[in-house]
Amino acid sequence: MRLSLLAVGRLKSGPERELVERYRQRVEGMGRALGLAGLDMVELPESRARRDDDRRAEEAAALLEKAGSSVLIVFDERGKSPSSEAFAEKIRQWRDEGRAGIACVIGGPDGLDPKLRQRAELVVSFGALTMPHQIVRALVAEQLYRALTIIAGHPYHRAGHDDS
């Protein structure tokens, strides 16, 4: 099963990109043994449409095209806040069902079109706070890695403790 992180906007070089890359490599290294392939990082340009709704719609169309038939996990402050264990269990379930892939979606500065939330099989929130997409990317990459460690029974994830 292929893992991908689809995001609107470019992540500039710097500490955030380095952190995301570190977790991408960890996911790639751990995923193979679990039947999960890589973590593709796909950056889509922000829409240049004049109206917010039009920008969100254009970005949604591009994100959905890139996601294809993958399970869609959308990161949005209006979603649910599952535990890391529950998140890992969903990934394990989709893998065991033989799903083609999982696409984790992060919207642009104008937010997400409702079509994305409707198509998503899981809408996850890191809380009601608005966060910069650079930070959300790092959080998504880390939570994917954490989920794989939970699935593998690796000691990285210890409830309430973190050895990173």
C-alpha atoms as a PDB file:
ATOM      1  CA  MET A   1       0.000   0.000   0.000  1.00  0.00           C
ATOM      2  CA  ARG A   2       1.397   3.365  -1.054  1.00  0.00           C
ATOM      3  CA  LEU A   3       1.502   6.303   1.377  1.00  0.00           C
ATOM      4  CA  SER A   4       1.441   9.888   0.176  1.00  0.00           C
ATOM      5  CA  LEU A   5       1.230  13.343   1.675  1.00  0.00           C
ATOM      6  CA  LEU A   6      -0.494  15.804  -0.645  1.00  0.00           C
ATOM      7  CA  ALA A   7      -0.203  19.471   0.256  1.00  0.00           C
ATOM      8  CA  VAL A   8      -1.123  22.787  -1.297  1.00  0.00           C
ATOM      9  CA  GLY A   9       1.859  25.130  -1.320  1.00  0.00           C
ATOM     10  CA  ARG A  10       5.607  24.675  -1.289  1.00  0.00           C
ATOM     11  CA  LEU A  11       7.665  23.932   1.770  1.00  0.00           C
ATOM     12  CA  LYS A  12      10.775  26.098   1.605  1.00  0.00           C
ATOM     13  CA  SER A  13      14.135  24.711   2.610  1.00  0.00           C
ATOM     14  CA  GLY A  14      14.871  25.008   6.289  1.00  0.00           C
ATOM     15  CA  PRO A  15      14.219  23.222   9.552  1.00  0.00           C
ATOM     16  CA  GLU A  16      10.593  22.314   8.770  1.00  0.00           C
ATOM     17  CA  ARG A  17      11.547  20.659   5.471  1.00  0.00           C
ATOM     18  CA  GLU A  18      14.400  18.824   7.221  1.00  0.00           C
ATOM     19  CA  LEU A  19      12.041  17.544   9.913  1.00  0.00           C
ATOM     20  CA  VAL A  20       9.477  16.359   7.367  1.00  0.00           C
ATOM     21  CA  GLU A  21      12.253  14.661   5.377  1.00  0.00           C
ATOM     22  CA  ARG A  22      13.546  12.908   8.499  1.00  0.00           C
ATOM     23  CA  TYR A  23      10.111  11.414   9.187  1.00  0.00           C
ATOM     24  CA  ARG A  24       9.616  10.585   5.498  1.00  0.00           C
ATOM     25  CA  GLN A  25      12.803   8.541   5.599  1.00  0.00           C
ATOM     26  CA  ARG A  26      11.728   6.836   8.820  1.00  0.00           C
ATOM     27  CA  VAL A  27       8.352   5.946   7.310  1.00  0.00           C
ATOM     28  CA  GLU A  28      10.066   4.566   4.229  1.00  0.00           C
ATOM     29  CA  GLY A  29      12.469   2.475   6.298  1.00  0.00           C
ATOM     30  CA  MET A  30       9.827   1.029   8.603  1.00  0.00           C
ATOM     31  CA  GLY A  31       7.021   0.728   6.068  1.00  0.00           C
ATOM     32  CA  ARG A  32       8.573  -1.937   3.846  1.00  0.00           C
ATOM     33  CA  ALA A  33       8.397  -4.614   6.536  1.00  0.00           C
ATOM     34  CA  LEU A  34       4.744  -3.728   7.131  1.00  0.00           C
ATOM     35  CA  GLY A  35       3.622  -3.855   3.492  1.00  0.00           C
ATOM     36  CA  LEU A  36       3.589  -0.069   3.133  1.00  0.00           C
ATOM     37  CA  ALA A  37       5.551   1.639   0.388  1.00  0.00           C
ATOM     38  CA  GLY A  38       7.322   4.942   0.868  1.00  0.00           C
ATOM     39  CA  LEU A  39       5.877   8.300   1.687  1.00  0.00           C
ATOM     40  CA  ASP A  40       5.493  10.327  -1.502  1.00  0.00           C
ATOM     41  CA  MET A  41       5.569  14.067  -0.886  1.00  0.00           C
ATOM     42  CA  VAL A  42       3.426  15.898  -3.449  1.00  0.00           C
ATOM     43  CA  GLU A  43       3.299  19.691  -3.434  1.00  0.00           C
ATOM     44  CA  LEU A  44       0.617  21.380  -5.499  1.00  0.00           C
ATOM     45  CA  PRO A  45       0.657  25.084  -6.367  1.00  0.00           C
ATOM     46  CA  GLU A  46      -1.828  27.403  -4.729  1.00  0.00           C
ATOM     47  CA  SER A  47      -4.688  28.380  -7.019  1.00  0.00           C
ATOM     48  CA  ARG A  48      -4.526  31.851  -8.526  1.00  0.00           C
ATOM     49  CA  ALA A  49      -8.318  32.212  -8.747  1.00  0.00           C
ATOM     50  CA  ARG A  50      -9.680  35.498  -7.433  1.00  0.00           C
ATOM     51  CA  ARG A  51     -12.447  34.170  -5.170  1.00  0.00           C
ATOM     52  CA  ASP A  52     -11.731  32.033  -2.072  1.00  0.00           C
ATOM     53  CA  ASP A  53     -14.375  29.457  -3.086  1.00  0.00           C
ATOM     54  CA  ASP A  54     -12.882  29.163  -6.567  1.00  0.00           C
ATOM     55  CA  ARG A  55      -9.371  28.723  -5.139  1.00  0.00           C
ATOM     56  CA  ARG A  56     -10.564  25.984  -2.780  1.00  0.00           C
ATOM     57  CA  ALA A  57     -12.452  24.239  -5.601  1.00  0.00           C
ATOM     58  CA  GLU A  58      -9.448  24.315  -7.962  1.00  0.00           C
ATOM     59  CA  GLU A  59      -7.121  23.029  -5.248  1.00  0.00           C
ATOM     60  CA  ALA A  60      -9.605  20.293  -4.310  1.00  0.00           C
ATOM     61  CA  ALA A  61      -9.811  19.101  -7.915  1.00  0.00           C
ATOM     62  CA  ALA A  62      -6.004  18.899  -8.149  1.00  0.00           C
ATOM     63  CA  LEU A  63      -5.735  17.098  -4.785  1.00  0.00           C
ATOM     64  CA  LEU A  64      -8.445  14.584  -5.695  1.00  0.00           C
ATOM     65  CA  GLU A  65      -6.784  13.903  -9.053  1.00  0.00           C
ATOM     66  CA  LYS A  66      -3.448  13.190  -7.332  1.00  0.00           C
ATOM     67  CA  ALA A  67      -5.131  11.014  -4.662  1.00  0.00           C
ATOM     68  CA  GLY A  68      -6.809   8.810  -7.264  1.00  0.00           C
ATOM     69  CA  SER A  69      -8.381   5.758  -5.629  1.00  0.00           C
ATOM     70  CA  SER A  70      -6.378   6.060  -2.406  1.00  0.00           C
ATOM     71  CA  VAL A  71      -8.056   6.270   0.965  1.00  0.00           C
ATOM     72  CA  LEU A  72      -8.307   9.981   1.732  1.00  0.00           C
ATOM     73  CA  ILE A  73      -7.293  11.312   5.140  1.00  0.00           C
ATOM     74  CA  VAL A  74      -7.949  15.039   5.335  1.00  0.00           C
ATOM     75  CA  PHE A  75      -6.345  17.200   8.014  1.00  0.00           C
ATOM     76  CA  ASP A  76      -8.782  19.930   9.013  1.00  0.00           C
ATOM     77  CA  GLU A  77      -9.528  21.662  12.318  1.00  0.00           C
ATOM     78  CA  ARG A  78     -13.179  20.549  12.034  1.00  0.00           C
ATOM     79  CA  GLY A  79     -12.223  16.874  12.123  1.00  0.00           C
ATOM     80  CA  LYS A  80     -11.918  14.383  14.935  1.00  0.00           C
ATOM     81  CA  SER A  81      -8.847  14.044  17.143  1.00  0.00           C
ATOM     82  CA  PRO A  82      -8.200  10.303  17.303  1.00  0.00           C
ATOM     83  CA  SER A  83      -5.563   8.818  19.571  1.00  0.00           C
ATOM     84  CA  SER A  84      -2.357   7.694  17.890  1.00  0.00           C
ATOM     85  CA  GLU A  85      -3.430   4.097  18.551  1.00  0.00           C
ATOM     86  CA  ALA A  86      -6.804   4.625  16.837  1.00  0.00           C
ATOM     87  CA  PHE A  87      -5.074   6.325  13.886  1.00  0.00           C
ATOM     88  CA  ALA A  88      -2.659   3.390  13.577  1.00  0.00           C
ATOM     89  CA  GLU A  89      -5.552   0.931  13.727  1.00  0.00           C
ATOM     90  CA  LYS A  90      -7.281   2.642  10.786  1.00  0.00           C
ATOM     91  CA  ILE A  91      -4.079   2.412   8.743  1.00  0.00           C
ATOM     92  CA  ARG A  92      -3.681  -1.262   9.689  1.00  0.00           C
ATOM     93  CA  GLN A  93      -7.321  -1.911   8.749  1.00  0.00           C
ATOM     94  CA  TRP A  94      -6.975  -0.276   5.323  1.00  0.00           C
ATOM     95  CA  ARG A  95      -3.718  -2.154   4.676  1.00  0.00           C
ATOM     96  CA  ASP A  96      -5.349  -5.459   5.652  1.00  0.00           C
ATOM     97  CA  GLU A  97      -8.307  -4.709   3.355  1.00  0.00           C
ATOM     98  CA  GLY A  98      -5.812  -4.461   0.485  1.00  0.00           C
ATOM     99  CA  ARG A  99      -6.467  -0.791  -0.265  1.00  0.00           C
ATOM    100  CA  ALA A 100      -4.166   0.674  -2.945  1.00  0.00           C
ATOM    101  CA  GLY A 101      -2.924   3.618  -0.940  1.00  0.00           C
ATOM    102  CA  ILE A 102      -3.496   6.283   1.644  1.00  0.00           C
ATOM    103  CA  ALA A 103      -3.337   9.955   0.692  1.00  0.00           C
ATOM    104  CA  CYS A 104      -2.967  12.435   3.546  1.00  0.00           C
ATOM    105  CA  VAL A 105      -4.245  15.857   2.442  1.00  0.00           C
ATOM    106  CA  ILE A 106      -3.255  19.275   3.777  1.00  0.00           C
ATOM    107  CA  GLY A 107      -5.000  22.286   2.278  1.00  0.00           C
ATOM    108  CA  GLY A 108      -3.694  25.709   1.451  1.00  0.00           C
ATOM    109  CA  PRO A 109      -4.076  29.025   3.250  1.00  0.00           C
ATOM    110  CA  ASP A 110      -7.729  29.332   2.167  1.00  0.00           C
ATOM    111  CA  GLY A 111      -8.694  26.015   3.759  1.00  0.00           C
ATOM    112  CA  LEU A 112     -10.324  22.990   2.193  1.00  0.00           C
ATOM    113  CA  ASP A 113     -13.225  22.660  -0.183  1.00  0.00           C
ATOM    114  CA  PRO A 114     -16.131  20.722   1.398  1.00  0.00           C
ATOM    115  CA  LYS A 115     -15.792  18.133  -1.428  1.00  0.00           C
ATOM    116  CA  LEU A 116     -12.535  16.956   0.132  1.00  0.00           C
ATOM    117  CA  ARG A 117     -14.076  16.443   3.556  1.00  0.00           C
ATOM    118  CA  GLN A 118     -17.025  14.622   1.967  1.00  0.00           C
ATOM    119  CA  ARG A 119     -14.749  12.248   0.011  1.00  0.00           C
ATOM    120  CA  ALA A 120     -12.450  11.632   2.992  1.00  0.00           C
ATOM    121  CA  GLU A 121     -12.690   8.386   4.924  1.00  0.00           C
ATOM    122  CA  LEU A 122     -11.120  10.138   7.897  1.00  0.00           C
ATOM    123  CA  VAL A 123     -10.984  13.841   8.788  1.00  0.00           C
ATOM    124  CA  VAL A 124      -8.361  14.477  11.457  1.00  0.00           C
ATOM    125  CA  SER A 125      -7.833  17.570  13.566  1.00  0.00           C
ATOM    126  CA  PHE A 126      -4.741  18.465  15.549  1.00  0.00           C
ATOM    127  CA  GLY A 127      -7.005  20.836  17.490  1.00  0.00           C
ATOM    128  CA  ALA A 128      -9.042  23.954  16.858  1.00  0.00           C
ATOM    129  CA  LEU A 129      -5.973  26.154  16.514  1.00  0.00           C
ATOM    130  CA  THR A 130      -5.024  27.327  13.049  1.00  0.00           C
ATOM    131  CA  MET A 131      -1.514  26.104  12.254  1.00  0.00           C
ATOM    132  CA  PRO A 132       0.891  26.877   9.430  1.00  0.00           C
ATOM    133  CA  HIS A 133       0.956  24.163   6.777  1.00  0.00           C
ATOM    134  CA  GLN A 134       4.692  23.638   7.371  1.00  0.00           C
ATOM    135  CA  ILE A 135       4.005  22.555  10.959  1.00  0.00           C
ATOM    136  CA  VAL A 136       1.020  20.420   9.940  1.00  0.00           C
ATOM    137  CA  ARG A 137       3.192  18.586   7.394  1.00  0.00           C
ATOM    138  CA  ALA A 138       5.712  17.741  10.102  1.00  0.00           C
ATOM    139  CA  LEU A 139       2.913  16.574  12.416  1.00  0.00           C
ATOM    140  CA  VAL A 140       1.342  14.393   9.707  1.00  0.00           C
ATOM    141  CA  ALA A 141       4.700  12.815   8.780  1.00  0.00           C
ATOM    142  CA  GLU A 142       5.481  12.159  12.449  1.00  0.00           C
ATOM    143  CA  GLN A 143       2.041  10.645  13.124  1.00  0.00           C
ATOM    144  CA  LEU A 144       2.396   8.353  10.101  1.00  0.00           C
ATOM    145  CA  TYR A 145       5.756   7.197  11.461  1.00  0.00           C
ATOM    146  CA  ARG A 146       4.258   6.780  14.944  1.00  0.00           C
ATOM    147  CA  ALA A 147       1.379   4.754  13.465  1.00  0.00           C
ATOM    148  CA  LEU A 148       3.841   2.411  11.763  1.00  0.00           C
ATOM    149  CA  THR A 149       5.770   1.946  15.015  1.00  0.00           C
ATOM    150  CA  ILE A 150       2.510   1.078  16.778  1.00  0.00           C
ATOM    151  CA  ILE A 151       1.588  -1.431  14.053  1.00  0.00           C
ATOM    152  CA  ALA A 152       5.092  -2.950  14.270  1.00  0.00           C
ATOM    153  CA  GLY A 153       5.111  -3.043  18.078  1.00  0.00           C
ATOM    154  CA  HIS A 154       8.209  -0.821  18.052  1.00  0.00           C
ATOM    155  CA  PRO A 155       8.996   1.015  21.334  1.00  0.00           C
ATOM    156  CA  TYR A 156       9.041   4.518  19.737  1.00  0.00           C
ATOM    157  CA  HIS A 157       5.413   4.961  20.765  1.00  0.00           C
ATOM    158  CA  ARG A 158       4.944   4.781  24.476  1.00  0.00           C
ATOM    159  CA  ALA A 159       1.751   6.373  25.759  1.00  0.00           C
ATOM    160  CA  GLY A 160       2.671   9.789  27.054  1.00  0.00           C
ATOM    161  CA  HIS A 161       6.402   9.325  26.374  1.00  0.00           C
ATOM    162  CA  ASP A 162       8.428  10.014  23.275  1.00  0.00           C
ATOM    163  CA  ASP A 163      12.021   9.030  22.577  1.00  0.00           C
ATOM    164  CA  SER A 164      12.479  11.111  19.468  1.00  0.00           C
END
